[in-house]
PDB file of N, CA and C in Angstrom:
ATOM      1  N   MET A   1      50.744  39.381-146.084  1.00  0.00           N
ATOM      2  CA  MET A   1      49.811  39.062-147.247  1.00  0.00           C
ATOM      3  C   MET A   1      50.414  37.685-147.138  1.00  0.00           C
ATOM      4  N   SER A   2      49.928  36.924-147.710  1.00  0.00           N
ATOM      5  CA  SER A   2      50.239  35.483-147.680  1.00  0.00           C
ATOM      6  C   SER A   2      50.801  35.335-148.913  1.00  0.00           C
ATOM      7  N   ILE A   3      50.901  33.669-148.914  1.00  0.00           N
ATOM      8  CA  ILE A   3      52.326  32.918-149.605  1.00  0.00           C
ATOM      9  C   ILE A   3      51.330  32.956-150.872  1.00  0.00           C
ATOM     10  N   GLU A   4      50.206  32.871-151.389  1.00  0.00           N
ATOM     11  CA  GLU A   4      49.379  32.573-152.349  1.00  0.00           C
ATOM     12  C   GLU A   4      49.486  33.650-152.861  1.00  0.00           C
ATOM     13  N   GLU A   5      49.056  34.638-152.333  1.00  0.00           N
ATOM     14  CA  GLU A   5      48.788  36.451-153.009  1.00  0.00           C
ATOM     15  C   GLU A   5      50.158  36.781-153.358  1.00  0.00           C
ATOM     16  N   LEU A   6      51.640  36.270-152.828  1.00  0.00           N
ATOM     17  CA  LEU A   6      52.837  36.855-153.327  1.00  0.00           C
ATOM     18  C   LEU A   6      52.989  35.950-154.458  1.00  0.00           C
ATOM     19  N   LYS A   7      52.954  34.822-154.070  1.00  0.00           N
ATOM     20  CA  LYS A   7      52.575  34.053-155.797  1.00  0.00           C
ATOM     21  C   LYS A   7      52.381  34.287-156.827  1.00  0.00           C
ATOM     22  N   ALA A   8      50.782  35.064-156.693  1.00  0.00           N
ATOM     23  CA  ALA A   8      50.253  35.562-157.456  1.00  0.00           C
ATOM     24  C   ALA A   8      50.956  36.909-157.854  1.00  0.00           C
ATOM     25  N   GLU A   9      51.319  37.583-157.392  1.00  0.00           N
ATOM     26  CA  GLU A   9      52.134  38.812-157.351  1.00  0.00           C
ATOM     27  C   GLU A   9      53.198  38.656-158.326  1.00  0.00           C
ATOM     28  N   LEU A  10      54.005  37.444-157.902  1.00  0.00           N
ATOM     29  CA  LEU A  10      55.596  37.317-158.450  1.00  0.00           C
ATOM     30  C   LEU A  10      55.675  36.455-159.897  1.00  0.00           C
ATOM     31  N   LEU A  11      54.835  35.217-160.048  1.00  0.00           N
ATOM     32  CA  LEU A  11      54.955  34.480-160.264  1.00  0.00           C
ATOM     33  C   LEU A  11      54.479  34.696-162.191  1.00  0.00           C
ATOM     34  N   GLY A  12      54.867  34.060-162.785  1.00  0.00           N
ATOM     35  CA  GLY A  12      54.656  34.271-164.398  1.00  0.00           C
ATOM     36  C   GLY A  12      55.071  35.870-164.957  1.00  0.00           C
ATOM     37  N   LYS A  13      55.569  36.284-164.762  1.00  0.00           N
ATOM     38  CA  LYS A  13      56.316  37.800-164.795  1.00  0.00           C
ATOM     39  C   LYS A  13      57.535  37.957-165.240  1.00  0.00           C
ATOM     40  N   GLU A  14      58.005  38.673-166.409  1.00  0.00           N
ATOM     41  CA  GLU A  14      59.351  38.643-166.619  1.00  0.00           C
ATOM     42  C   GLU A  14      60.373  39.488-165.841  1.00  0.00           C
ATOM     43  N   TYR A  15      61.304  38.891-165.411  1.00  0.00           N
ATOM     44  CA  TYR A  15      62.513  40.357-164.811  1.00  0.00           C
ATOM     45  C   TYR A  15      63.824  40.083-165.224  1.00  0.00           C
ATOM     46  N   PRO A  16      64.861  41.420-165.027  1.00  0.00           N
ATOM     47  CA  PRO A  16      65.736  41.522-165.281  1.00  0.00           C
ATOM     48  C   PRO A  16      66.970  39.962-164.905  1.00  0.00           C
ATOM     49  N   ASP A  17      67.728  39.979-165.756  1.00  0.00           N
ATOM     50  CA  ASP A  17      68.356  38.688-165.348  1.00  0.00           C
ATOM     51  C   ASP A  17      69.023  38.652-163.905  1.00  0.00           C
ATOM     52  N   GLU A  18      69.702  39.552-163.364  1.00  0.00           N
ATOM     53  CA  GLU A  18      69.989  40.260-162.018  1.00  0.00           C
ATOM     54  C   GLU A  18      69.070  41.575-161.259  1.00  0.00           C
ATOM     55  N   VAL A  19      68.899  41.296-160.428  1.00  0.00           N
ATOM     56  CA  VAL A  19      67.886  41.755-159.642  1.00  0.00           C
ATOM     57  C   VAL A  19      68.940  42.007-157.938  1.00  0.00           C
ATOM     58  N   GLN A  20      68.929  42.881-157.469  1.00  0.00           N
ATOM     59  CA  GLN A  20      69.676  43.344-156.048  1.00  0.00           C
ATOM     60  C   GLN A  20      68.778  43.230-155.502  1.00  0.00           C
ATOM     61  N   ILE A  21      68.642  42.210-154.167  1.00  0.00           N
ATOM     62  CA  ILE A  21      67.077  42.768-153.314  1.00  0.00           C
ATOM     63  C   ILE A  21      67.886  43.380-151.872  1.00  0.00           C
ATOM     64  N   HIS A  22      69.227  43.278-151.867  1.00  0.00           N
ATOM     65  CA  HIS A  22      69.973  43.797-150.782  1.00  0.00           C
ATOM     66  C   HIS A  22      71.359  44.304-150.656  1.00  0.00           C
ATOM     67  N   VAL A  23      71.917  44.974-149.963  1.00  0.00           N
ATOM     68  CA  VAL A  23      73.193  45.459-150.411  1.00  0.00           C
ATOM     69  C   VAL A  23      74.120  44.501-150.676  1.00  0.00           C
ATOM     70  N   ASP A  24      73.802  43.610-150.075  1.00  0.00           N
ATOM     71  CA  ASP A  24      74.577  42.095-150.192  1.00  0.00           C
ATOM     72  C   ASP A  24      74.352  40.930-150.808  1.00  0.00           C
ATOM     73  N   GLN A  25      73.116  41.228-151.753  1.00  0.00           N
ATOM     74  CA  GLN A  25      72.246  40.482-152.240  1.00  0.00           C
ATOM     75  C   GLN A  25      72.079  40.384-153.494  1.00  0.00           C
ATOM     76  N   ILE A  26      72.290  39.604-154.422  1.00  0.00           N
ATOM     77  CA  ILE A  26      71.804  39.725-156.039  1.00  0.00           C
ATOM     78  C   ILE A  26      71.617  38.225-156.252  1.00  0.00           C
ATOM     79  N   VAL A  27      70.275  38.710-156.789  1.00  0.00           N
ATOM     80  CA  VAL A  27      69.718  37.242-157.160  1.00  0.00           C
ATOM     81  C   VAL A  27      69.823  37.160-159.048  1.00  0.00           C
ATOM     82  N   VAL A  28      70.738  36.086-159.203  1.00  0.00           N
ATOM     83  CA  VAL A  28      71.088  36.245-160.693  1.00  0.00           C
ATOM     84  C   VAL A  28      70.180  34.466-161.265  1.00  0.00           C
ATOM     85  N   ASP A  29      69.883  34.128-161.192  1.00  0.00           N
ATOM     86  CA  ASP A  29      68.754  33.383-161.735  1.00  0.00           C
ATOM     87  C   ASP A  29      66.926  33.196-161.099  1.00  0.00           C
ATOM     88  N   VAL A  30      66.608  34.238-161.391  1.00  0.00           N
ATOM     89  CA  VAL A  30      65.079  34.744-160.806  1.00  0.00           C
ATOM     90  C   VAL A  30      64.611  33.453-160.906  1.00  0.00           C
ATOM     91  N   PRO A  31      64.074  32.439-161.576  1.00  0.00           N
ATOM     92  CA  PRO A  31      63.266  31.673-161.471  1.00  0.00           C
ATOM     93  C   PRO A  31      63.871  30.456-160.607  1.00  0.00           C
ATOM     94  N   LEU A  32      64.909  30.438-160.449  1.00  0.00           N
ATOM     95  CA  LEU A  32      65.091  29.412-159.310  1.00  0.00           C
ATOM     96  C   LEU A  32      65.004  29.601-158.363  1.00  0.00           C
ATOM     97  N   PHE A  33      65.833  30.901-157.752  1.00  0.00           N
ATOM     98  CA  PHE A  33      65.744  31.602-156.674  1.00  0.00           C
ATOM     99  C   PHE A  33      63.863  31.901-156.269  1.00  0.00           C
ATOM    100  N   LEU A  34      63.464  31.836-156.871  1.00  0.00           N
ATOM    101  CA  LEU A  34      61.988  32.103-156.948  1.00  0.00           C
ATOM    102  C   LEU A  34      61.335  31.025-156.278  1.00  0.00           C
ATOM    103  N   LYS A  35      61.533  29.748-157.232  1.00  0.00           N
ATOM    104  CA  LYS A  35      61.240  28.528-156.861  1.00  0.00           C
ATOM    105  C   LYS A  35      61.633  28.157-155.609  1.00  0.00           C
ATOM    106  N   VAL A  36      62.838  27.994-155.262  1.00  0.00           N
ATOM    107  CA  VAL A  36      63.323  27.750-153.914  1.00  0.00           C
ATOM    108  C   VAL A  36      62.919  28.426-152.946  1.00  0.00           C
ATOM    109  N   SER A  37      62.509  29.689-153.114  1.00  0.00           N
ATOM    110  CA  SER A  37      62.344  30.998-152.017  1.00  0.00           C
ATOM    111  C   SER A  37      60.806  30.273-151.627  1.00  0.00           C
ATOM    112  N   PHE A  38      60.095  29.988-152.612  1.00  0.00           N
ATOM    113  CA  PHE A  38      58.993  29.472-152.272  1.00  0.00           C
ATOM    114  C   PHE A  38      58.674  28.154-151.355  1.00  0.00           C
ATOM    115  N   ILE A  39      59.314  27.018-151.872  1.00  0.00           N
ATOM    116  CA  ILE A  39      59.408  25.846-151.410  1.00  0.00           C
ATOM    117  C   ILE A  39      59.695  26.486-149.587  1.00  0.00           C
ATOM    118  N   GLU A  40      60.938  27.145-149.350  1.00  0.00           N
ATOM    119  CA  GLU A  40      61.310  26.582-148.074  1.00  0.00           C
ATOM    120  C   GLU A  40      60.212  27.754-147.280  1.00  0.00           C
ATOM    121  N   ALA A  41      59.213  29.404-148.173  1.00  0.00           N
ATOM    122  CA  ALA A  41      58.454  29.583-147.127  1.00  0.00           C
ATOM    123  C   ALA A  41      57.086  28.621-147.004  1.00  0.00           C
ATOM    124  N   GLU A  42      56.611  27.325-147.644  1.00  0.00           N
ATOM    125  CA  GLU A  42      55.553  26.562-147.577  1.00  0.00           C
ATOM    126  C   GLU A  42      55.791  25.874-146.855  1.00  0.00           C
ATOM    127  N   GLN A  43      57.195  25.679-146.611  1.00  0.00           N
ATOM    128  CA  GLN A  43      57.792  24.318-145.784  1.00  0.00           C
ATOM    129  C   GLN A  43      58.134  25.119-143.886  1.00  0.00           C
ATOM    130  N   TRP A  44      57.998  26.127-144.413  1.00  0.00           N
ATOM    131  CA  TRP A  44      58.372  27.047-143.171  1.00  0.00           C
ATOM    132  C   TRP A  44      57.438  26.681-141.860  1.00  0.00           C
ATOM    133  N   THR A  45      57.562  26.368-140.721  1.00  0.00           N
ATOM    134  CA  THR A  45      56.419  25.577-139.686  1.00  0.00           C
ATOM    135  C   THR A  45      56.239  26.760-138.605  1.00  0.00           C
ATOM    136  N   LYS A  46      57.512  27.758-138.439  1.00  0.00           N
ATOM    137  CA  LYS A  46      57.056  28.948-137.097  1.00  0.00           C
ATOM    138  C   LYS A  46      56.695  30.231-138.118  1.00  0.00           C
ATOM    139  N   ASP A  47      56.795  30.885-137.174  1.00  0.00           N
ATOM    140  CA  ASP A  47      56.611  32.630-138.087  1.00  0.00           C
ATOM    141  C   ASP A  47      57.065  32.805-139.011  1.00  0.00           C
ATOM    142  N   LEU A  48      56.313  32.977-140.487  1.00  0.00           N
ATOM    143  CA  LEU A  48      56.349  32.971-141.663  1.00  0.00           C
ATOM    144  C   LEU A  48      57.675  34.703-141.789  1.00  0.00           C
ATOM    145  N   GLU A  49      57.305  35.379-140.762  1.00  0.00           N
ATOM    146  CA  GLU A  49      58.000  36.660-140.951  1.00  0.00           C
ATOM    147  C   GLU A  49      59.609  36.559-140.655  1.00  0.00           C
ATOM    148  N   LYS A  50      59.446  35.648-139.970  1.00  0.00           N
ATOM    149  CA  LYS A  50      61.338  34.531-139.522  1.00  0.00           C
ATOM    150  C   LYS A  50      61.508  34.250-140.640  1.00  0.00           C
ATOM    151  N   CYS A  51      60.740  33.579-141.837  1.00  0.00           N
ATOM    152  CA  CYS A  51      61.754  32.579-142.814  1.00  0.00           C
ATOM    153  C   CYS A  51      62.269  33.665-143.725  1.00  0.00           C
ATOM    154  N   PRO A  52      63.873  32.916-143.503  1.00  0.00           N
ATOM    155  CA  PRO A  52      64.759  33.580-144.613  1.00  0.00           C
ATOM    156  C   PRO A  52      63.970  33.243-145.630  1.00  0.00           C
ATOM    157  N   GLY A  53      63.550  32.247-146.468  1.00  0.00           N
ATOM    158  CA  GLY A  53      63.202  32.608-147.728  1.00  0.00           C
ATOM    159  C   GLY A  53      61.866  33.923-147.595  1.00  0.00           C
ATOM    160  N   TRP A  54      61.208  33.555-147.021  1.00  0.00           N
ATOM    161  CA  TRP A  54      60.454  34.728-147.169  1.00  0.00           C
ATOM    162  C   TRP A  54      60.501  36.110-146.800  1.00  0.00           C
ATOM    163  N   ILE A  55      61.537  36.391-146.383  1.00  0.00           N
ATOM    164  CA  ILE A  55      62.558  37.687-146.274  1.00  0.00           C
ATOM    165  C   ILE A  55      62.987  37.727-147.366  1.00  0.00           C
ATOM    166  N   ARG A  56      63.427  37.103-148.150  1.00  0.00           N
ATOM    167  CA  ARG A  56      64.126  37.566-149.528  1.00  0.00           C
ATOM    168  C   ARG A  56      63.417  37.801-150.526  1.00  0.00           C
ATOM    169  N   LEU A  57      62.219  36.994-150.555  1.00  0.00           N
ATOM    170  CA  LEU A  57      60.965  37.201-151.485  1.00  0.00           C
ATOM    171  C   LEU A  57      60.231  38.493-151.186  1.00  0.00           C
ATOM    172  N   ASN A  58      60.264  39.042-150.143  1.00  0.00           N
ATOM    173  CA  ASN A  58      59.914  40.570-149.733  1.00  0.00           C
ATOM    174  C   ASN A  58      60.854  41.680-150.522  1.00  0.00           C
ATOM    175  N   ARG A  59      62.219  41.054-149.960  1.00  0.00           N
ATOM    176  CA  ARG A  59      62.855  41.716-150.264  1.00  0.00           C
ATOM    177  C   ARG A  59      63.131  41.890-152.147  1.00  0.00           C
ATOM    178  N   PHE A  60      62.371  41.055-152.448  1.00  0.00           N
ATOM    179  CA  PHE A  60      62.673  40.807-154.247  1.00  0.00           C
ATOM    180  C   PHE A  60      61.505  41.762-154.784  1.00  0.00           C
ATOM    181  N   LYS A  61      60.462  41.329-154.167  1.00  0.00           N
ATOM    182  CA  LYS A  61      59.233  42.357-154.402  1.00  0.00           C
ATOM    183  C   LYS A  61      59.366  43.588-154.662  1.00  0.00           C
ATOM    184  N   GLU A  62      60.262  44.137-153.417  1.00  0.00           N
ATOM    185  CA  GLU A  62      60.412  45.578-152.676  1.00  0.00           C
ATOM    186  C   GLU A  62      61.402  46.232-154.143  1.00  0.00           C
ATOM    187  N   ALA A  63      62.502  45.204-154.343  1.00  0.00           N
ATOM    188  CA  ALA A  63      63.166  45.639-155.482  1.00  0.00           C
ATOM    189  C   ALA A  63      62.311  45.626-156.655  1.00  0.00           C
ATOM    190  N   ILE A  64      61.950  44.809-157.060  1.00  0.00           N
ATOM    191  CA  ILE A  64      61.151  45.221-158.684  1.00  0.00           C
ATOM    192  C   ILE A  64      60.153  46.084-158.700  1.00  0.00           C
ATOM    193  N   ALA A  65      59.901  46.857-157.473  1.00  0.00           N
ATOM    194  CA  ALA A  65      58.860  47.532-157.493  1.00  0.00           C
ATOM    195  C   ALA A  65      59.442  48.826-157.377  1.00  0.00           C
ATOM    196  N   SER A  66      60.661  49.051-156.668  1.00  0.00           N
ATOM    197  CA  SER A  66      61.886  50.047-156.539  1.00  0.00           C
ATOM    198  C   SER A  66      62.122  50.732-158.439  1.00  0.00           C
ATOM    199  N   ALA A  67      62.405  49.354-158.540  1.00  0.00           N
ATOM    200  CA  ALA A  67      63.136  49.455-160.214  1.00  0.00           C
ATOM    201  C   ALA A  67      61.515  50.153-161.167  1.00  0.00           C
ATOM    202  N   ASP A  68      60.880  49.515-161.089  1.00  0.00           N
ATOM    203  CA  ASP A  68      59.675  50.033-161.943  1.00  0.00           C
ATOM    204  C   ASP A  68      59.308  51.701-161.455  1.00  0.00           C
ATOM    205  N   ARG A  69      59.213  51.679-160.224  1.00  0.00           N
ATOM    206  CA  ARG A  69      59.353  53.472-160.012  1.00  0.00           C
ATOM    207  C   ARG A  69      60.052  54.108-160.350  1.00  0.00           C
ATOM    208  N   SER A  70      61.464  53.945-160.578  1.00  0.00           N
ATOM    209  CA  SER A  70      62.538  54.296-161.062  1.00  0.00           C
ATOM    210  C   SER A  70      62.191  54.562-162.337  1.00  0.00           C
ATOM    211  N   GLN A  71      62.198  53.558-163.767  1.00  0.00           N
ATOM    212  CA  GLN A  71      61.936  53.390-164.597  1.00  0.00           C
ATOM    213  C   GLN A  71      60.709  54.660-164.933  1.00  0.00           C
ATOM    214  N   GLU A  72      59.495  54.799-164.494  1.00  0.00           N
ATOM    215  CA  GLU A  72      58.350  55.272-164.920  1.00  0.00           C
ATOM    216  C   GLU A  72      58.839  56.838-164.456  1.00  0.00           C
ATOM    217  N   GLU A  73      59.551  56.904-162.931  1.00  0.00           N
ATOM    218  CA  GLU A  73      60.048  58.610-163.142  1.00  0.00           C
ATOM    219  C   GLU A  73      61.035  59.148-164.332  1.00  0.00           C
ATOM    220  N   ALA A  74      61.562  57.864-164.511  1.00  0.00           N
ATOM    221  CA  ALA A  74      62.621  58.335-165.870  1.00  0.00           C
ATOM    222  C   ALA A  74      62.040  58.916-167.099  1.00  0.00           C
ATOM    223  N   SER A  75      60.719  58.380-167.465  1.00  0.00           N
ATOM    224  CA  SER A  75      60.139  58.398-168.753  1.00  0.00           C
ATOM    225  C   SER A  75      59.056  59.916-169.027  1.00  0.00           C
TER     226      SER A  75
END
């Protein structure tokens, strides 16, 4: 997935106030998190898969998808 594809998937949506993306990481300001993480990924010049911002963005995407699946199962 490219940065542009991930932007299209994540930007312009509403999210909960807090999103746990890893055991030790909780996003408390989603708009700021997305903005900073995308800036970091866009400026990364090495292998994108090793970019910390890219890794966090993908964890965020997985956490949101997991939360969506949990809500669907509960319905």
